[in-house]
Amino acid sequence: MTNYKPKDFAELLGVSVKTLQRWDREGILKANRTPTNRRYYTYDQYLQFKGINTENDHRQIVIYARVSTRNQKDDLKNQVTFLRQFCNAKGIIVDKCIEEYGSGLNYNRKKWNQILDEVTERKIKTIIVTHKDRFIRFGYDWFEKFCMKFNTTIVIVNNEDLSPQEELVQDIISILHVFSCRLYGFRKYKKQIERDEEIAKELQDRNSSNTRAESQD
């Protein structure tokens, strides 16, 4: 179940917070209350308000697993295994399992874009991933709201262990390289760019050393 603060729920419906407050007072759309009396709304309320019947919803439930490179085949396999076990334990019938190689910074991933296309075509009911960064490295909240507009839920199982640390370092290196090139220029500041790459490599080596130390412990 996804819960929303009044501001987020108002944005999802395309109304103001004051309108939500008025609807709450008038009984048009009653807010839920936390033990500390804070208002919140649920995704089911969104569906009910939009008049969407979920009882006969035959859209697909898909698993999405991603790693950056083919050297991480084992990580990809572990993601898929974990998600299938999760779905079996919850009694969720999976229609499709999608595995992909590609950076979480890349918005041009073929299979990921295909998922978004099918979301807009109202073919997908639920997307299940192990961690937010498996779906997208940055901007997850925007994409979650985008999917919600088409009544698609993203289920995040939140397994930190299946979010490879080395990928984060690689993504930092990519971002650092891009901004170094923009800031210094390719020719005039070549030495500075090389120095930035050396710093990034030090970060990567340090992360690898920490990972080996943790495994030895």
Protein backbone atom coordinates (compact mmCIF):
# COMPACT_ATOMS: atom_id res chain seq x y z
CA MET A 1 0.00 0.00 0.00
CA THR A 2 1.34 3.42 -0.99
CA ASN A 3 0.53 6.31 1.33
CA TYR A 4 0.65 9.96 0.30
CA LYS A 5 1.02 13.21 2.16
CA PRO A 6 -1.71 15.75 1.27
CA LYS A 7 0.69 17.75 -0.93
CA ASP A 8 1.72 14.68 -2.96
CA PHE A 9 -1.85 13.41 -3.23
CA ALA A 10 -3.10 16.79 -4.37
CA GLU A 11 -0.44 16.82 -7.07
CA LEU A 12 -1.45 13.32 -8.15
CA LEU A 13 -5.08 14.41 -8.52
CA GLY A 14 -4.20 17.76 -10.08
CA VAL A 15 -5.90 19.83 -7.36
CA SER A 16 -4.72 22.11 -4.56
CA VAL A 17 -4.15 21.12 -0.93
CA LYS A 18 -6.92 23.54 0.07
CA THR A 19 -9.31 21.64 -2.18
CA LEU A 20 -8.36 18.39 -0.45
CA GLN A 21 -8.95 20.02 2.92
CA ARG A 22 -12.38 21.20 1.79
CA TRP A 23 -13.27 17.78 0.40
CA ASP A 24 -12.20 16.25 3.71
CA ARG A 25 -14.49 18.60 5.66
CA GLU A 26 -17.40 18.03 3.28
CA GLY A 27 -16.95 14.25 3.24
CA ILE A 28 -16.27 14.15 -0.51
CA LEU A 29 -12.85 12.55 -0.03
CA LYS A 30 -12.07 11.80 3.59
CA ALA A 31 -8.44 11.77 4.66
CA ASN A 32 -6.97 9.03 6.81
CA ARG A 33 -5.30 10.02 10.09
CA THR A 34 -2.10 8.82 11.72
CA PRO A 35 -1.93 8.27 15.51
CA THR A 36 -0.50 11.82 15.70
CA ASN A 37 -3.52 13.13 13.73
CA ARG A 38 -1.64 13.84 10.51
CA ARG A 39 -3.63 13.43 7.33
CA TYR A 40 -2.64 10.96 4.60
CA TYR A 41 -4.20 9.27 1.58
CA THR A 42 -3.79 5.86 -0.06
CA TYR A 43 -3.47 4.67 -3.63
CA ASP A 44 -6.77 2.81 -3.28
CA GLN A 45 -8.41 6.16 -2.57
CA TYR A 46 -6.91 7.49 -5.77
CA LEU A 47 -8.34 4.57 -7.76
CA GLN A 48 -11.75 4.94 -6.12
CA PHE A 49 -11.82 8.67 -6.75
CA LYS A 50 -10.96 8.10 -10.42
CA GLY A 51 -13.66 5.45 -10.64
CA ILE A 52 -11.21 2.72 -11.59
CA ASN A 53 -12.39 -0.83 -10.92
CA THR A 54 -9.46 -3.08 -10.00
CA GLU A 55 -11.45 -6.29 -9.48
CA ASN A 56 -11.31 -7.24 -13.17
CA ASP A 57 -7.87 -5.79 -13.80
CA HIS A 58 -6.06 -8.29 -16.01
CA ARG A 59 -2.99 -6.19 -16.76
CA GLN A 60 0.44 -7.74 -16.31
CA ILE A 61 2.57 -7.99 -13.21
CA VAL A 62 6.23 -7.78 -14.17
CA ILE A 63 9.55 -8.24 -12.41
CA TYR A 64 12.33 -5.89 -13.46
CA ALA A 65 15.96 -6.64 -12.63
CA ARG A 66 18.96 -4.60 -13.78
CA VAL A 67 22.74 -4.47 -13.47
CA SER A 68 25.20 -2.18 -15.25
CA THR A 69 27.48 -4.71 -16.96
CA ARG A 70 27.57 -8.34 -18.02
CA ASN A 71 30.30 -8.88 -15.44
CA GLN A 72 27.50 -8.69 -12.86
CA LYS A 73 25.61 -11.75 -14.11
CA ASP A 74 25.54 -13.22 -10.61
CA ASP A 75 24.03 -10.03 -9.19
CA LEU A 76 21.35 -10.11 -11.87
CA LYS A 77 20.57 -13.75 -11.16
CA ASN A 78 20.33 -13.03 -7.41
CA GLN A 79 17.89 -10.21 -8.05
CA VAL A 80 15.62 -12.42 -10.14
CA THR A 81 15.76 -15.28 -7.64
CA PHE A 82 14.97 -12.97 -4.74
CA LEU A 83 12.05 -11.31 -6.52
CA ARG A 84 10.53 -14.64 -7.58
CA GLN A 85 10.79 -15.89 -4.00
CA PHE A 86 9.19 -12.68 -2.77
CA CYS A 87 6.29 -13.03 -5.21
CA ASN A 88 5.79 -16.71 -4.37
CA ALA A 89 5.67 -15.88 -0.66
CA LYS A 90 3.07 -13.16 -1.29
CA GLY A 91 1.03 -15.30 -3.67
CA ILE A 92 1.73 -12.93 -6.56
CA ILE A 93 1.52 -14.45 -10.05
CA VAL A 94 4.23 -12.96 -12.25
CA ASP A 95 3.41 -12.57 -15.94
CA LYS A 96 6.82 -11.49 -17.14
CA CYS A 97 10.40 -11.26 -15.86
CA ILE A 98 12.53 -8.57 -17.52
CA GLU A 99 16.32 -8.62 -17.13
CA GLU A 100 18.50 -5.83 -18.43
CA TYR A 101 22.12 -4.69 -18.61
CA GLY A 102 22.61 -0.94 -18.51
CA SER A 103 23.51 1.97 -16.26
CA GLY A 104 20.86 3.36 -13.95
CA LEU A 105 21.84 6.78 -15.31
CA ASN A 106 20.85 5.75 -18.84
CA TYR A 107 17.33 6.83 -19.79
CA ASN A 108 17.66 5.06 -23.17
CA ARG A 109 17.61 1.49 -21.87
CA LYS A 110 15.60 -0.47 -24.43
CA LYS A 111 13.69 -2.80 -22.10
CA TRP A 112 13.12 -0.09 -19.49
CA ASN A 113 11.63 2.20 -22.13
CA GLN A 114 9.48 -0.68 -23.37
CA ILE A 115 8.08 -1.00 -19.84
CA LEU A 116 7.21 2.71 -19.78
CA ASP A 117 5.55 2.40 -23.18
CA GLU A 118 3.43 -0.49 -21.93
CA VAL A 119 2.56 1.52 -18.82
CA THR A 120 1.16 4.30 -21.04
CA GLU A 121 -0.72 1.66 -23.05
CA ARG A 122 -2.22 0.42 -19.75
CA LYS A 123 -0.79 -3.07 -20.17
CA ILE A 124 1.11 -3.22 -16.87
CA LYS A 125 -0.51 -3.27 -13.45
CA THR A 126 2.53 -3.71 -11.19
CA ILE A 127 6.32 -3.44 -11.55
CA ILE A 128 8.35 -5.21 -8.87
CA VAL A 129 12.02 -4.34 -8.24
CA THR A 130 14.48 -5.00 -5.42
CA HIS A 131 15.53 -1.38 -4.90
CA LYS A 132 14.74 2.06 -6.33
CA ASP A 133 18.10 2.36 -8.07
CA ARG A 134 17.44 -0.87 -9.99
CA PHE A 135 14.63 1.03 -11.75
CA ILE A 136 16.41 4.39 -12.09
CA ARG A 137 19.40 5.92 -10.30
CA PHE A 138 17.98 9.44 -10.00
CA GLY A 139 14.48 10.83 -10.38
CA TYR A 140 12.64 7.77 -9.07
CA ASP A 141 9.86 9.83 -7.45
CA TRP A 142 8.99 11.46 -10.78
CA PHE A 143 8.74 8.12 -12.56
CA GLU A 144 6.67 6.66 -9.74
CA LYS A 145 4.14 9.49 -10.10
CA PHE A 146 4.23 9.06 -13.88
CA CYS A 147 3.30 5.38 -13.53
CA MET A 148 0.60 6.25 -11.00
CA LYS A 149 -1.06 8.44 -13.62
CA PHE A 150 -1.65 5.26 -15.61
CA ASN A 151 -2.69 3.28 -12.51
CA THR A 152 0.55 1.31 -12.40
CA THR A 153 2.16 0.59 -9.05
CA ILE A 154 5.90 0.13 -8.53
CA VAL A 155 6.63 -2.23 -5.65
CA ILE A 156 10.05 -1.66 -4.06
CA VAL A 157 11.12 -4.62 -1.95
CA ASN A 158 14.02 -2.53 -0.52
CA ASN A 159 16.75 -5.14 -0.39
CA GLU A 160 19.91 -3.03 -0.02
CA ASP A 161 22.14 -6.10 -0.49
CA LEU A 162 20.92 -6.42 -4.09
CA SER A 163 21.97 -2.88 -4.94
CA PRO A 164 25.63 -3.35 -6.00
CA GLN A 165 27.91 -0.73 -4.42
CA GLU A 166 30.34 -0.79 -7.31
CA GLU A 167 27.59 0.52 -9.60
CA LEU A 168 27.21 3.63 -7.48
CA VAL A 169 30.94 4.29 -7.79
CA GLN A 170 30.79 3.77 -11.56
CA ASP A 171 27.89 6.20 -11.83
CA ILE A 172 29.76 8.78 -9.74
CA ILE A 173 32.74 8.39 -12.08
CA SER A 174 30.47 8.93 -15.10
CA ILE A 175 28.94 12.07 -13.61
CA LEU A 176 32.34 13.38 -12.57
CA HIS A 177 33.70 12.82 -16.06
CA VAL A 178 30.81 14.62 -17.75
CA PHE A 179 31.03 17.66 -15.52
CA SER A 180 34.83 17.73 -15.76
CA CYS A 181 34.57 17.86 -19.53
CA ARG A 182 32.02 20.65 -19.39
CA LEU A 183 33.92 22.64 -16.80
CA TYR A 184 37.46 22.29 -18.08
CA GLY A 185 37.08 21.57 -21.80
CA PHE A 186 38.58 18.58 -23.62
CA ARG A 187 41.88 20.04 -24.79
CA LYS A 188 42.82 23.03 -22.70
CA TYR A 189 42.28 21.26 -19.39
CA LYS A 190 43.18 17.70 -20.30
CA LYS A 191 45.51 17.31 -17.29
CA GLN A 192 42.79 18.44 -14.90
CA ILE A 193 40.36 15.92 -16.37
CA GLU A 194 42.94 13.15 -15.97
CA ARG A 195 43.41 14.23 -12.35
CA ASP A 196 39.65 14.01 -11.75
CA GLU A 197 39.66 10.50 -13.24
CA GLU A 198 42.50 9.55 -10.91
CA ILE A 199 40.41 10.71 -7.94
CA ALA A 200 37.46 8.68 -9.21
CA LYS A 201 39.68 5.60 -9.58
CA GLU A 202 40.87 6.06 -6.01
CA LEU A 203 37.25 6.07 -4.87
CA GLN A 204 36.59 2.88 -6.82
CA ASP A 205 39.69 1.14 -5.43
CA ARG A 206 38.79 2.21 -1.90
CA ASN A 207 35.28 0.84 -2.32
CA SER A 208 36.66 -2.49 -3.59
CA SER A 209 39.03 -2.71 -0.61
CA ASN A 210 36.18 -2.04 1.83
CA THR A 211 34.03 -4.68 0.15
CA ARG A 212 36.82 -7.30 0.43
CA ALA A 213 37.38 -6.39 4.09
CA GLU A 214 33.67 -6.78 4.86
CA SER A 215 33.58 -10.20 3.15
CA GLN A 216 36.59 -11.35 5.18
CA ASP A 217 34.92 -10.27 8.41
